[in-house]
PDB file of N, CA and C in Angstrom:
ATOM      1  N   MET A   1    -111.729 -13.012-194.773  1.00  0.00           N
ATOM      2  CA  MET A   1    -111.116 -14.170-194.140  1.00  0.00           C
ATOM      3  C   MET A   1    -110.228 -13.701-192.994  1.00  0.00           C
ATOM      4  N   ASN A   2    -110.234 -14.407-191.908  1.00  0.00           N
ATOM      5  CA  ASN A   2    -109.431 -14.095-190.732  1.00  0.00           C
ATOM      6  C   ASN A   2    -107.989 -14.528-190.996  1.00  0.00           C
ATOM      7  N   SER A   3    -107.056 -13.557-191.069  1.00  0.00           N
ATOM      8  CA  SER A   3    -105.672 -13.888-191.390  1.00  0.00           C
ATOM      9  C   SER A   3    -104.976 -14.629-190.249  1.00  0.00           C
ATOM     10  N   LEU A   4    -105.594 -14.679-189.056  1.00  0.00           N
ATOM     11  CA  LEU A   4    -105.021 -15.464-187.974  1.00  0.00           C
ATOM     12  C   LEU A   4    -105.283 -16.957-188.180  1.00  0.00           C
ATOM     13  N   ILE A   5    -106.337 -17.284-188.928  1.00  0.00           N
ATOM     14  CA  ILE A   5    -106.676 -18.684-189.187  1.00  0.00           C
ATOM     15  C   ILE A   5    -105.809 -19.249-190.307  1.00  0.00           C
ATOM     16  N   ALA A   6    -105.732 -18.531-191.410  1.00  0.00           N
ATOM     17  CA  ALA A   6    -104.925 -18.976-192.552  1.00  0.00           C
ATOM     18  C   ALA A   6    -104.279 -17.768-193.201  1.00  0.00           C
ATOM     19  N   ARG A   7    -102.989 -17.893-193.465  1.00  0.00           N
ATOM     20  CA  ARG A   7    -102.295 -16.801-194.138  1.00  0.00           C
ATOM     21  C   ARG A   7    -101.330 -17.370-195.163  1.00  0.00           C
ATOM     22  N   ASP A   8    -101.110 -16.577-196.222  1.00  0.00           N
ATOM     23  CA  ASP A   8    -100.211 -17.006-197.285  1.00  0.00           C
ATOM     24  C   ASP A   8     -98.755 -16.787-196.897  1.00  0.00           C
ATOM     25  N   THR A   9     -97.909 -17.691-197.385  1.00  0.00           N
ATOM     26  CA  THR A   9     -96.457 -17.553-197.262  1.00  0.00           C
ATOM     27  C   THR A   9     -95.896 -17.667-198.671  1.00  0.00           C
ATOM     28  N   LYS A  10     -94.579 -17.550-198.808  1.00  0.00           N
ATOM     29  CA  LYS A  10     -94.003 -17.599-200.150  1.00  0.00           C
ATOM     30  C   LYS A  10     -94.187 -18.943-200.842  1.00  0.00           C
ATOM     31  N   ASP A  11     -94.342 -20.024-200.059  1.00  0.00           N
ATOM     32  CA  ASP A  11     -94.459 -21.343-200.684  1.00  0.00           C
ATOM     33  C   ASP A  11     -95.775 -22.055-200.387  1.00  0.00           C
ATOM     34  N   GLY A  12     -96.735 -21.350-199.810  1.00  0.00           N
ATOM     35  CA  GLY A  12     -98.022 -21.986-199.510  1.00  0.00           C
ATOM     36  C   GLY A  12     -98.784 -21.213-198.465  1.00  0.00           C
ATOM     37  N   ALA A  13     -99.340 -21.926-197.488  1.00  0.00           N
ATOM     38  CA  ALA A  13    -100.160 -21.279-196.463  1.00  0.00           C
ATOM     39  C   ALA A  13     -99.830 -21.859-195.092  1.00  0.00           C
ATOM     40  N   ILE A  14    -100.105 -21.060-194.069  1.00  0.00           N
ATOM     41  CA  ILE A  14    -100.018 -21.519-192.681  1.00  0.00           C
ATOM     42  C   ILE A  14    -101.454 -21.542-192.159  1.00  0.00           C
ATOM     43  N   LEU A  15    -101.866 -22.659-191.605  1.00  0.00           N
ATOM     44  CA  LEU A  15    -103.221 -22.827-191.089  1.00  0.00           C
ATOM     45  C   LEU A  15    -103.151 -23.049-189.585  1.00  0.00           C
ATOM     46  N   THR A  16    -103.980 -22.308-188.834  1.00  0.00           N
ATOM     47  CA  THR A  16    -104.089 -22.519-187.400  1.00  0.00           C
ATOM     48  C   THR A  16    -105.264 -23.458-187.156  1.00  0.00           C
ATOM     49  N   VAL A  17    -104.993 -24.546-186.445  1.00  0.00           N
ATOM     50  CA  VAL A  17    -105.983 -25.612-186.262  1.00  0.00           C
ATOM     51  C   VAL A  17    -106.180 -25.899-184.775  1.00  0.00           C
ATOM     52  N   HIS A  18    -107.430 -26.132-184.390  1.00  0.00           N
ATOM     53  CA  HIS A  18    -107.759 -26.636-183.055  1.00  0.00           C
ATOM     54  C   HIS A  18    -108.317 -28.030-183.287  1.00  0.00           C
ATOM     55  N   ILE A  19    -107.650 -29.061-182.748  1.00  0.00           N
ATOM     56  CA  ILE A  19    -108.146 -30.412-183.001  1.00  0.00           C
ATOM     57  C   ILE A  19    -108.831 -30.993-181.775  1.00  0.00           C
ATOM     58  N   GLN A  20    -109.791 -31.838-182.067  1.00  0.00           N
ATOM     59  CA  GLN A  20    -110.502 -32.585-181.028  1.00  0.00           C
ATOM     60  C   GLN A  20    -110.289 -34.059-181.337  1.00  0.00           C
ATOM     61  N   PRO A  21    -109.374 -34.716-180.592  1.00  0.00           N
ATOM     62  CA  PRO A  21    -109.108 -36.131-180.860  1.00  0.00           C
ATOM     63  C   PRO A  21    -110.229 -37.039-180.366  1.00  0.00           C
ATOM     64  N   LYS A  22    -110.153 -38.298-180.768  1.00  0.00           N
ATOM     65  CA  LYS A  22    -111.097 -39.355-180.366  1.00  0.00           C
ATOM     66  C   LYS A  22    -112.537 -39.074-180.794  1.00  0.00           C
ATOM     67  N   ALA A  23    -112.719 -38.403-181.934  1.00  0.00           N
ATOM     68  CA  ALA A  23    -114.066 -38.172-182.472  1.00  0.00           C
ATOM     69  C   ALA A  23    -114.516 -39.420-183.234  1.00  0.00           C
ATOM     70  N   SER A  24    -115.806 -39.507-183.533  1.00  0.00           N
ATOM     71  CA  SER A  24    -116.303 -40.676-184.265  1.00  0.00           C
ATOM     72  C   SER A  24    -115.872 -40.640-185.729  1.00  0.00           C
ATOM     73  N   THR A  25    -115.749 -39.440-186.300  1.00  0.00           N
ATOM     74  CA  THR A  25    -115.274 -39.292-187.679  1.00  0.00           C
ATOM     75  C   THR A  25    -114.329 -38.102-187.747  1.00  0.00           C
ATOM     76  N   THR A  26    -113.475 -38.095-188.759  1.00  0.00           N
ATOM     77  CA  THR A  26    -112.576 -36.962-188.973  1.00  0.00           C
ATOM     78  C   THR A  26    -113.285 -35.980-189.889  1.00  0.00           C
ATOM     79  N   GLU A  27    -113.433 -34.736-189.410  1.00  0.00           N
ATOM     80  CA  GLU A  27    -114.146 -33.723-190.197  1.00  0.00           C
ATOM     81  C   GLU A  27    -113.809 -32.338-189.688  1.00  0.00           C
ATOM     82  N   CYS A  28    -113.988 -31.361-190.578  1.00  0.00           N
ATOM     83  CA  CYS A  28    -113.867 -29.960-190.203  1.00  0.00           C
ATOM     84  C   CYS A  28    -115.245 -29.518-189.711  1.00  0.00           C
ATOM     85  N   VAL A  29    -115.279 -28.915-188.532  1.00  0.00           N
ATOM     86  CA  VAL A  29    -116.577 -28.540-187.958  1.00  0.00           C
ATOM     87  C   VAL A  29    -116.768 -27.036-187.845  1.00  0.00           C
ATOM     88  N   GLY A  30    -115.852 -26.238-188.374  1.00  0.00           N
ATOM     89  CA  GLY A  30    -116.057 -24.795-188.402  1.00  0.00           C
ATOM     90  C   GLY A  30    -114.930 -24.027-187.745  1.00  0.00           C
ATOM     91  N   ILE A  31    -115.279 -22.839-187.262  1.00  0.00           N
ATOM     92  CA  ILE A  31    -114.311 -21.930-186.663  1.00  0.00           C
ATOM     93  C   ILE A  31    -114.371 -22.065-185.144  1.00  0.00           C
ATOM     94  N   HIS A  32    -113.207 -22.079-184.515  1.00  0.00           N
ATOM     95  CA  HIS A  32    -113.104 -22.136-183.047  1.00  0.00           C
ATOM     96  C   HIS A  32    -112.114 -21.047-182.653  1.00  0.00           C
ATOM     97  N   GLY A  33    -112.628 -19.868-182.260  1.00  0.00           N
ATOM     98  CA  GLY A  33    -111.751 -18.742-181.953  1.00  0.00           C
ATOM     99  C   GLY A  33    -111.001 -18.308-183.193  1.00  0.00           C
ATOM    100  N   ASN A  34    -109.670 -18.293-183.134  1.00  0.00           N
ATOM    101  CA  ASN A  34    -108.839 -17.929-184.282  1.00  0.00           C
ATOM    102  C   ASN A  34    -108.229 -19.165-184.938  1.00  0.00           C
ATOM    103  N   ALA A  35    -109.030 -20.227-185.014  1.00  0.00           N
ATOM    104  CA  ALA A  35    -108.544 -21.474-185.614  1.00  0.00           C
ATOM    105  C   ALA A  35    -109.689 -22.203-186.302  1.00  0.00           C
ATOM    106  N   ILE A  36    -109.314 -23.104-187.208  1.00  0.00           N
ATOM    107  CA  ILE A  36    -110.270 -24.035-187.809  1.00  0.00           C
ATOM    108  C   ILE A  36    -110.360 -25.222-186.855  1.00  0.00           C
ATOM    109  N   LYS A  37    -111.567 -25.643-186.512  1.00  0.00           N
ATOM    110  CA  LYS A  37    -111.718 -26.802-185.621  1.00  0.00           C
ATOM    111  C   LYS A  37    -111.908 -28.053-186.467  1.00  0.00           C
ATOM    112  N   ILE A  38    -111.065 -29.038-186.196  1.00  0.00           N
ATOM    113  CA  ILE A  38    -111.133 -30.310-186.910  1.00  0.00           C
ATOM    114  C   ILE A  38    -111.207 -31.426-185.876  1.00  0.00           C
ATOM    115  N   ARG A  39    -112.232 -32.241-186.013  1.00  0.00           N
ATOM    116  CA  ARG A  39    -112.345 -33.439-185.172  1.00  0.00           C
ATOM    117  C   ARG A  39    -111.580 -34.552-185.874  1.00  0.00           C
ATOM    118  N   VAL A  40    -110.780 -35.289-185.115  1.00  0.00           N
ATOM    119  CA  VAL A  40    -110.033 -36.401-185.711  1.00  0.00           C
ATOM    120  C   VAL A  40    -110.403 -37.708-185.030  1.00  0.00           C
ATOM    121  N   ALA A  41    -110.586 -38.732-185.858  1.00  0.00           N
ATOM    122  CA  ALA A  41    -110.994 -40.057-185.361  1.00  0.00           C
ATOM    123  C   ALA A  41    -109.758 -40.858-184.991  1.00  0.00           C
ATOM    124  N   ALA A  42    -108.948 -40.294-184.099  1.00  0.00           N
ATOM    125  CA  ALA A  42    -107.751 -40.983-183.617  1.00  0.00           C
ATOM    126  C   ALA A  42    -107.458 -40.458-182.222  1.00  0.00           C
ATOM    127  N   PRO A  43    -106.886 -41.290-181.378  1.00  0.00           N
ATOM    128  CA  PRO A  43    -106.545 -40.848-180.019  1.00  0.00           C
ATOM    129  C   PRO A  43    -105.256 -40.023-180.035  1.00  0.00           C
ATOM    130  N   PRO A  44    -105.061 -39.171-179.030  1.00  0.00           N
ATOM    131  CA  PRO A  44    -103.828 -38.379-178.966  1.00  0.00           C
ATOM    132  C   PRO A  44    -102.671 -39.191-178.362  1.00  0.00           C
ATOM    133  N   VAL A  45    -102.407 -40.353-178.950  1.00  0.00           N
ATOM    134  CA  VAL A  45    -101.389 -41.277-178.441  1.00  0.00           C
ATOM    135  C   VAL A  45    -100.397 -41.595-179.563  1.00  0.00           C
ATOM    136  N   ASP A  46     -99.108 -41.508-179.260  1.00  0.00           N
ATOM    137  CA  ASP A  46     -98.049 -41.847-180.222  1.00  0.00           C
ATOM    138  C   ASP A  46     -98.187 -41.127-181.557  1.00  0.00           C
ATOM    139  N   GLY A  47     -98.685 -39.896-181.546  1.00  0.00           N
ATOM    140  CA  GLY A  47     -98.793 -39.119-182.773  1.00  0.00           C
ATOM    141  C   GLY A  47     -99.942 -39.519-183.690  1.00  0.00           C
ATOM    142  N   ALA A  48    -100.828 -40.405-183.229  1.00  0.00           N
ATOM    143  CA  ALA A  48    -101.918 -40.885-184.096  1.00  0.00           C
ATOM    144  C   ALA A  48    -102.842 -39.756-184.530  1.00  0.00           C
ATOM    145  N   ALA A  49    -103.172 -38.841-183.608  1.00  0.00           N
ATOM    146  CA  ALA A  49    -104.069 -37.725-183.956  1.00  0.00           C
ATOM    147  C   ALA A  49    -103.385 -36.785-184.955  1.00  0.00           C
ATOM    148  N   ASN A  50    -102.096 -36.545-184.783  1.00  0.00           N
ATOM    149  CA  ASN A  50    -101.358 -35.698-185.733  1.00  0.00           C
ATOM    150  C   ASN A  50    -101.314 -36.351-187.115  1.00  0.00           C
ATOM    151  N   ASP A  51    -101.055 -37.650-187.153  1.00  0.00           N
ATOM    152  CA  ASP A  51    -101.020 -38.368-188.435  1.00  0.00           C
ATOM    153  C   ASP A  51    -102.371 -38.293-189.133  1.00  0.00           C
ATOM    154  N   GLU A  52    -103.450 -38.439-188.377  1.00  0.00           N
ATOM    155  CA  GLU A  52    -104.791 -38.379-188.955  1.00  0.00           C
ATOM    156  C   GLU A  52    -105.100 -36.968-189.455  1.00  0.00           C
ATOM    157  N   LEU A  53    -104.666 -35.949-188.706  1.00  0.00           N
ATOM    158  CA  LEU A  53    -104.857 -34.561-189.147  1.00  0.00           C
ATOM    159  C   LEU A  53    -104.132 -34.315-190.470  1.00  0.00           C
ATOM    160  N   ILE A  54    -102.898 -34.754-190.566  1.00  0.00           N
ATOM    161  CA  ILE A  54    -102.122 -34.574-191.795  1.00  0.00           C
ATOM    162  C   ILE A  54    -102.800 -35.301-192.960  1.00  0.00           C
ATOM    163  N   ARG A  55    -103.236 -36.537-192.727  1.00  0.00           N
ATOM    164  CA  ARG A  55    -103.914 -37.306-193.785  1.00  0.00           C
ATOM    165  C   ARG A  55    -105.182 -36.591-194.247  1.00  0.00           C
ATOM    166  N   PHE A  56    -105.989 -36.110-193.287  1.00  0.00           N
ATOM    167  CA  PHE A  56    -107.244 -35.423-193.606  1.00  0.00           C
ATOM    168  C   PHE A  56    -106.985 -34.154-194.415  1.00  0.00           C
ATOM    169  N   LEU A  57    -106.037 -33.334-193.970  1.00  0.00           N
ATOM    170  CA  LEU A  57    -105.757 -32.085-194.688  1.00  0.00           C
ATOM    171  C   LEU A  57    -105.225 -32.364-196.092  1.00  0.00           C
ATOM    172  N   ALA A  58    -104.322 -33.328-196.230  1.00  0.00           N
ATOM    173  CA  ALA A  58    -103.782 -33.665-197.549  1.00  0.00           C
ATOM    174  C   ALA A  58    -104.888 -34.134-198.492  1.00  0.00           C
ATOM    175  N   GLN A  59    -105.764 -35.007-197.985  1.00  0.00           N
ATOM    176  CA  GLN A  59    -106.851 -35.531-198.819  1.00  0.00           C
ATOM    177  C   GLN A  59    -107.846 -34.426-199.180  1.00  0.00           C
ATOM    178  N   THR A  60    -108.260 -33.629-198.210  1.00  0.00           N
ATOM    179  CA  THR A  60    -109.253 -32.581-198.442  1.00  0.00           C
ATOM    180  C   THR A  60    -108.734 -31.508-199.396  1.00  0.00           C
ATOM    181  N   LEU A  61    -107.458 -31.163-199.250  1.00  0.00           N
ATOM    182  CA  LEU A  61    -106.880 -30.082-200.049  1.00  0.00           C
ATOM    183  C   LEU A  61    -106.181 -30.587-201.308  1.00  0.00           C
ATOM    184  N   VAL A  62    -106.251 -31.900-201.554  1.00  0.00           N
ATOM    185  CA  VAL A  62    -105.640 -32.548-202.715  1.00  0.00           C
ATOM    186  C   VAL A  62    -104.148 -32.180-202.787  1.00  0.00           C
ATOM    187  N   LEU A  63    -103.462 -32.481-201.693  1.00  0.00           N
ATOM    188  CA  LEU A  63    -102.021 -32.235-201.592  1.00  0.00           C
ATOM    189  C   LEU A  63    -101.320 -33.546-201.263  1.00  0.00           C
ATOM    190  N   PRO A  64    -100.048 -33.682-201.652  1.00  0.00           N
ATOM    191  CA  PRO A  64     -99.302 -34.859-201.207  1.00  0.00           C
ATOM    192  C   PRO A  64     -99.056 -34.769-199.701  1.00  0.00           C
ATOM    193  N   LEU A  65     -98.943 -35.902-199.031  1.00  0.00           N
ATOM    194  CA  LEU A  65     -98.689 -35.921-197.588  1.00  0.00           C
ATOM    195  C   LEU A  65     -97.464 -35.093-197.226  1.00  0.00           C
ATOM    196  N   ALA A  66     -96.448 -35.112-198.080  1.00  0.00           N
ATOM    197  CA  ALA A  66     -95.207 -34.390-197.801  1.00  0.00           C
ATOM    198  C   ALA A  66     -95.397 -32.874-197.800  1.00  0.00           C
ATOM    199  N   ALA A  67     -96.506 -32.375-198.368  1.00  0.00           N
ATOM    200  CA  ALA A  67     -96.764 -30.934-198.420  1.00  0.00           C
ATOM    201  C   ALA A  67     -97.450 -30.422-197.162  1.00  0.00           C
ATOM    202  N   VAL A  68     -97.807 -31.326-196.242  1.00  0.00           N
ATOM    203  CA  VAL A  68     -98.500 -30.955-195.006  1.00  0.00           C
ATOM    204  C   VAL A  68     -97.558 -31.237-193.829  1.00  0.00           C
ATOM    205  N   HIS A  69     -97.252 -30.173-193.063  1.00  0.00           N
ATOM    206  CA  HIS A  69     -96.281 -30.317-191.974  1.00  0.00           C
ATOM    207  C   HIS A  69     -96.750 -29.534-190.749  1.00  0.00           C
ATOM    208  N   ILE A  70     -96.817 -30.177-189.604  1.00  0.00           N
ATOM    209  CA  ILE A  70     -97.178 -29.486-188.366  1.00  0.00           C
ATOM    210  C   ILE A  70     -95.944 -28.730-187.884  1.00  0.00           C
ATOM    211  N   GLU A  71     -96.040 -27.394-187.892  1.00  0.00           N
ATOM    212  CA  GLU A  71     -94.904 -26.561-187.501  1.00  0.00           C
ATOM    213  C   GLU A  71     -94.809 -26.387-185.994  1.00  0.00           C
ATOM    214  N   SER A  72     -95.956 -26.267-185.321  1.00  0.00           N
ATOM    215  CA  SER A  72     -95.931 -26.112-183.869  1.00  0.00           C
ATOM    216  C   SER A  72     -97.194 -26.708-183.278  1.00  0.00           C
ATOM    217  N   GLY A  73     -97.106 -27.114-182.018  1.00  0.00           N
ATOM    218  CA  GLY A  73     -98.262 -27.667-181.338  1.00  0.00           C
ATOM    219  C   GLY A  73     -98.396 -29.169-181.430  1.00  0.00           C
ATOM    220  N   ASN A  74     -97.302 -29.859-181.735  1.00  0.00           N
ATOM    221  CA  ASN A  74     -97.360 -31.322-181.873  1.00  0.00           C
ATOM    222  C   ASN A  74     -98.038 -32.017-180.701  1.00  0.00           C
ATOM    223  N   GLY A  75     -97.799 -31.542-179.486  1.00  0.00           N
ATOM    224  CA  GLY A  75     -98.339 -32.223-178.314  1.00  0.00           C
ATOM    225  C   GLY A  75     -99.617 -31.631-177.771  1.00  0.00           C
ATOM    226  N   GLY A  76    -100.170 -30.619-178.433  1.00  0.00           N
ATOM    227  CA  GLY A  76    -101.378 -29.973-177.918  1.00  0.00           C
ATOM    228  C   GLY A  76    -102.519 -29.978-178.915  1.00  0.00           C
ATOM    229  N   ARG A  77    -103.609 -29.359-178.533  1.00  0.00           N
ATOM    230  CA  ARG A  77    -104.773 -29.283-179.429  1.00  0.00           C
ATOM    231  C   ARG A  77    -104.656 -28.148-180.434  1.00  0.00           C
ATOM    232  N   HIS A  78    -103.887 -27.121-180.075  1.00  0.00           N
ATOM    233  CA  HIS A  78    -103.746 -25.942-180.931  1.00  0.00           C
ATOM    234  C   HIS A  78    -102.478 -26.098-181.769  1.00  0.00           C
ATOM    235  N   LYS A  79    -102.613 -26.082-183.090  1.00  0.00           N
ATOM    236  CA  LYS A  79    -101.482 -26.359-183.977  1.00  0.00           C
ATOM    237  C   LYS A  79    -101.384 -25.336-185.093  1.00  0.00           C
ATOM    238  N   ARG A  80    -100.163 -25.164-185.582  1.00  0.00           N
ATOM    239  CA  ARG A  80     -99.943 -24.385-186.806  1.00  0.00           C
ATOM    240  C   ARG A  80     -99.417 -25.372-187.844  1.00  0.00           C
ATOM    241  N   VAL A  81    -100.101 -25.418-188.976  1.00  0.00           N
ATOM    242  CA  VAL A  81     -99.773 -26.400-190.016  1.00  0.00           C
ATOM    243  C   VAL A  81     -99.357 -25.664-191.288  1.00  0.00           C
ATOM    244  N   ARG A  82     -98.186 -26.028-191.814  1.00  0.00           N
ATOM    245  CA  ARG A  82     -97.725 -25.464-193.092  1.00  0.00           C
ATOM    246  C   ARG A  82     -98.264 -26.342-194.216  1.00  0.00           C
ATOM    247  N   LEU A  83     -98.858 -25.689-195.214  1.00  0.00           N
ATOM    248  CA  LEU A  83     -99.428 -26.379-196.372  1.00  0.00           C
ATOM    249  C   LEU A  83     -98.726 -25.835-197.619  1.00  0.00           C
ATOM    250  N   ARG A  84     -97.817 -26.612-198.177  1.00  0.00           N
ATOM    251  CA  ARG A  84     -97.064 -26.140-199.346  1.00  0.00           C
ATOM    252  C   ARG A  84     -97.880 -26.326-200.624  1.00  0.00           C
ATOM    253  N   GLY A  85     -97.818 -25.290-201.480  1.00  0.00           N
ATOM    254  CA  GLY A  85     -98.424 -25.383-202.801  1.00  0.00           C
ATOM    255  C   GLY A  85     -99.899 -25.036-202.867  1.00  0.00           C
ATOM    256  N   VAL A  86    -100.414 -24.350-201.850  1.00  0.00           N
ATOM    257  CA  VAL A  86    -101.829 -23.968-201.855  1.00  0.00           C
ATOM    258  C   VAL A  86    -101.970 -22.607-201.170  1.00  0.00           C
ATOM    259  N   MET A  87    -102.925 -21.801-201.634  1.00  0.00           N
ATOM    260  CA  MET A  87    -103.143 -20.473-201.069  1.00  0.00           C
ATOM    261  C   MET A  87    -104.163 -20.544-199.928  1.00  0.00           C
ATOM    262  N   ALA A  88    -104.034 -19.620-198.982  1.00  0.00           N
ATOM    263  CA  ALA A  88    -104.888 -19.600-197.789  1.00  0.00           C
ATOM    264  C   ALA A  88    -106.374 -19.553-198.142  1.00  0.00           C
ATOM    265  N   GLU A  89    -106.733 -18.759-199.136  1.00  0.00           N
ATOM    266  CA  GLU A  89    -108.144 -18.627-199.514  1.00  0.00           C
ATOM    267  C   GLU A  89    -108.727 -19.969-199.959  1.00  0.00           C
ATOM    268  N   ARG A  90    -107.956 -20.742-200.719  1.00  0.00           N
ATOM    269  CA  ARG A  90    -108.419 -22.058-201.189  1.00  0.00           C
ATOM    270  C   ARG A  90    -108.526 -23.044-200.020  1.00  0.00           C
ATOM    271  N   VAL A  91    -107.580 -22.942-199.074  1.00  0.00           N
ATOM    272  CA  VAL A  91    -107.605 -23.819-197.897  1.00  0.00           C
ATOM    273  C   VAL A  91    -108.928 -23.634-197.153  1.00  0.00           C
ATOM    274  N   ILE A  92    -109.271 -22.384-196.862  1.00  0.00           N
ATOM    275  CA  ILE A  92    -110.507 -22.093-196.126  1.00  0.00           C
ATOM    276  C   ILE A  92    -111.725 -22.538-196.930  1.00  0.00           C
ATOM    277  N   ALA A  93    -111.736 -22.248-198.227  1.00  0.00           N
ATOM    278  CA  ALA A  93    -112.883 -22.618-199.070  1.00  0.00           C
ATOM    279  C   ALA A  93    -113.098 -24.126-199.071  1.00  0.00           C
ATOM    280  N   ARG A  94    -112.026 -24.907-199.221  1.00  0.00           N
ATOM    281  CA  ARG A  94    -112.156 -26.373-199.257  1.00  0.00           C
ATOM    282  C   ARG A  94    -112.597 -26.940-197.908  1.00  0.00           C
ATOM    283  N   LEU A  95    -112.017 -26.428-196.818  1.00  0.00           N
ATOM    284  CA  LEU A  95    -112.381 -26.941-195.506  1.00  0.00           C
ATOM    285  C   LEU A  95    -113.816 -26.577-195.131  1.00  0.00           C
ATOM    286  N   MET A  96    -114.260 -25.403-195.503  1.00  0.00           N
ATOM    287  CA  MET A  96    -115.609 -24.973-195.147  1.00  0.00           C
ATOM    288  C   MET A  96    -116.684 -25.678-195.970  1.00  0.00           C
ATOM    289  N   GLN A  97    -116.316 -26.239-197.122  1.00  0.00           N
ATOM    290  CA  GLN A  97    -117.260 -27.051-197.896  1.00  0.00           C
ATOM    291  C   GLN A  97    -117.644 -28.309-197.128  1.00  0.00           C
ATOM    292  N   LYS A  98    -116.711 -28.772-196.302  1.00  0.00           N
ATOM    293  CA  LYS A  98    -116.887 -30.041-195.611  1.00  0.00           C
ATOM    294  C   LYS A  98    -117.733 -29.931-194.350  1.00  0.00           C
ATOM    295  N   GLY A  99    -117.954 -28.722-193.876  1.00  0.00           N
ATOM    296  CA  GLY A  99    -118.671 -28.580-192.610  1.00  0.00           C
ATOM    297  C   GLY A  99    -119.341 -27.242-192.484  1.00  0.00           C
ATOM    298  N   PRO A 100    -119.995 -26.983-191.387  1.00  0.00           N
ATOM    299  CA  PRO A 100    -120.707 -25.723-191.181  1.00  0.00           C
ATOM    300  C   PRO A 100    -119.716 -24.555-191.086  1.00  0.00           C
ATOM    301  N   VAL A 101    -120.222 -23.343-191.282  1.00  0.00           N
ATOM    302  CA  VAL A 101    -119.376 -22.149-191.294  1.00  0.00           C
ATOM    303  C   VAL A 101    -118.906 -21.787-189.890  1.00  0.00           C
ATOM    304  N   ALA A 102    -119.711 -22.016-188.887  1.00  0.00           N
ATOM    305  CA  ALA A 102    -119.298 -21.657-187.530  1.00  0.00           C
ATOM    306  C   ALA A 102    -119.837 -22.674-186.539  1.00  0.00           C
ATOM    307  N   GLU A 103    -119.229 -22.683-185.399  1.00  0.00           N
ATOM    308  CA  GLU A 103    -119.683 -23.602-184.353  1.00  0.00           C
ATOM    309  C   GLU A 103    -120.128 -22.813-183.150  1.00  0.00           C
TER     310      GLU A 103
END
């Protein structure tokens, strides 16, 4: 596993994400450089794409919404997301079940 994409911390994992807003559906579509690429079915307006990303990650990883926090990249496509209560290996395994291994 690429430790630049997901790495463990003392209370969970940090995930590097590249998002593509305004997609037809929200889904993980694979690896994009040193990040997981996730298409979100929300526009990048008033935090809608960030909210959809948080909802998708919480649902996919079976975490409460409060356990998913965007640490950096709020206004851009490249983000670092803290996921409390889950290990990096499980994060990658769950996200890759939802989509192809690479793009």
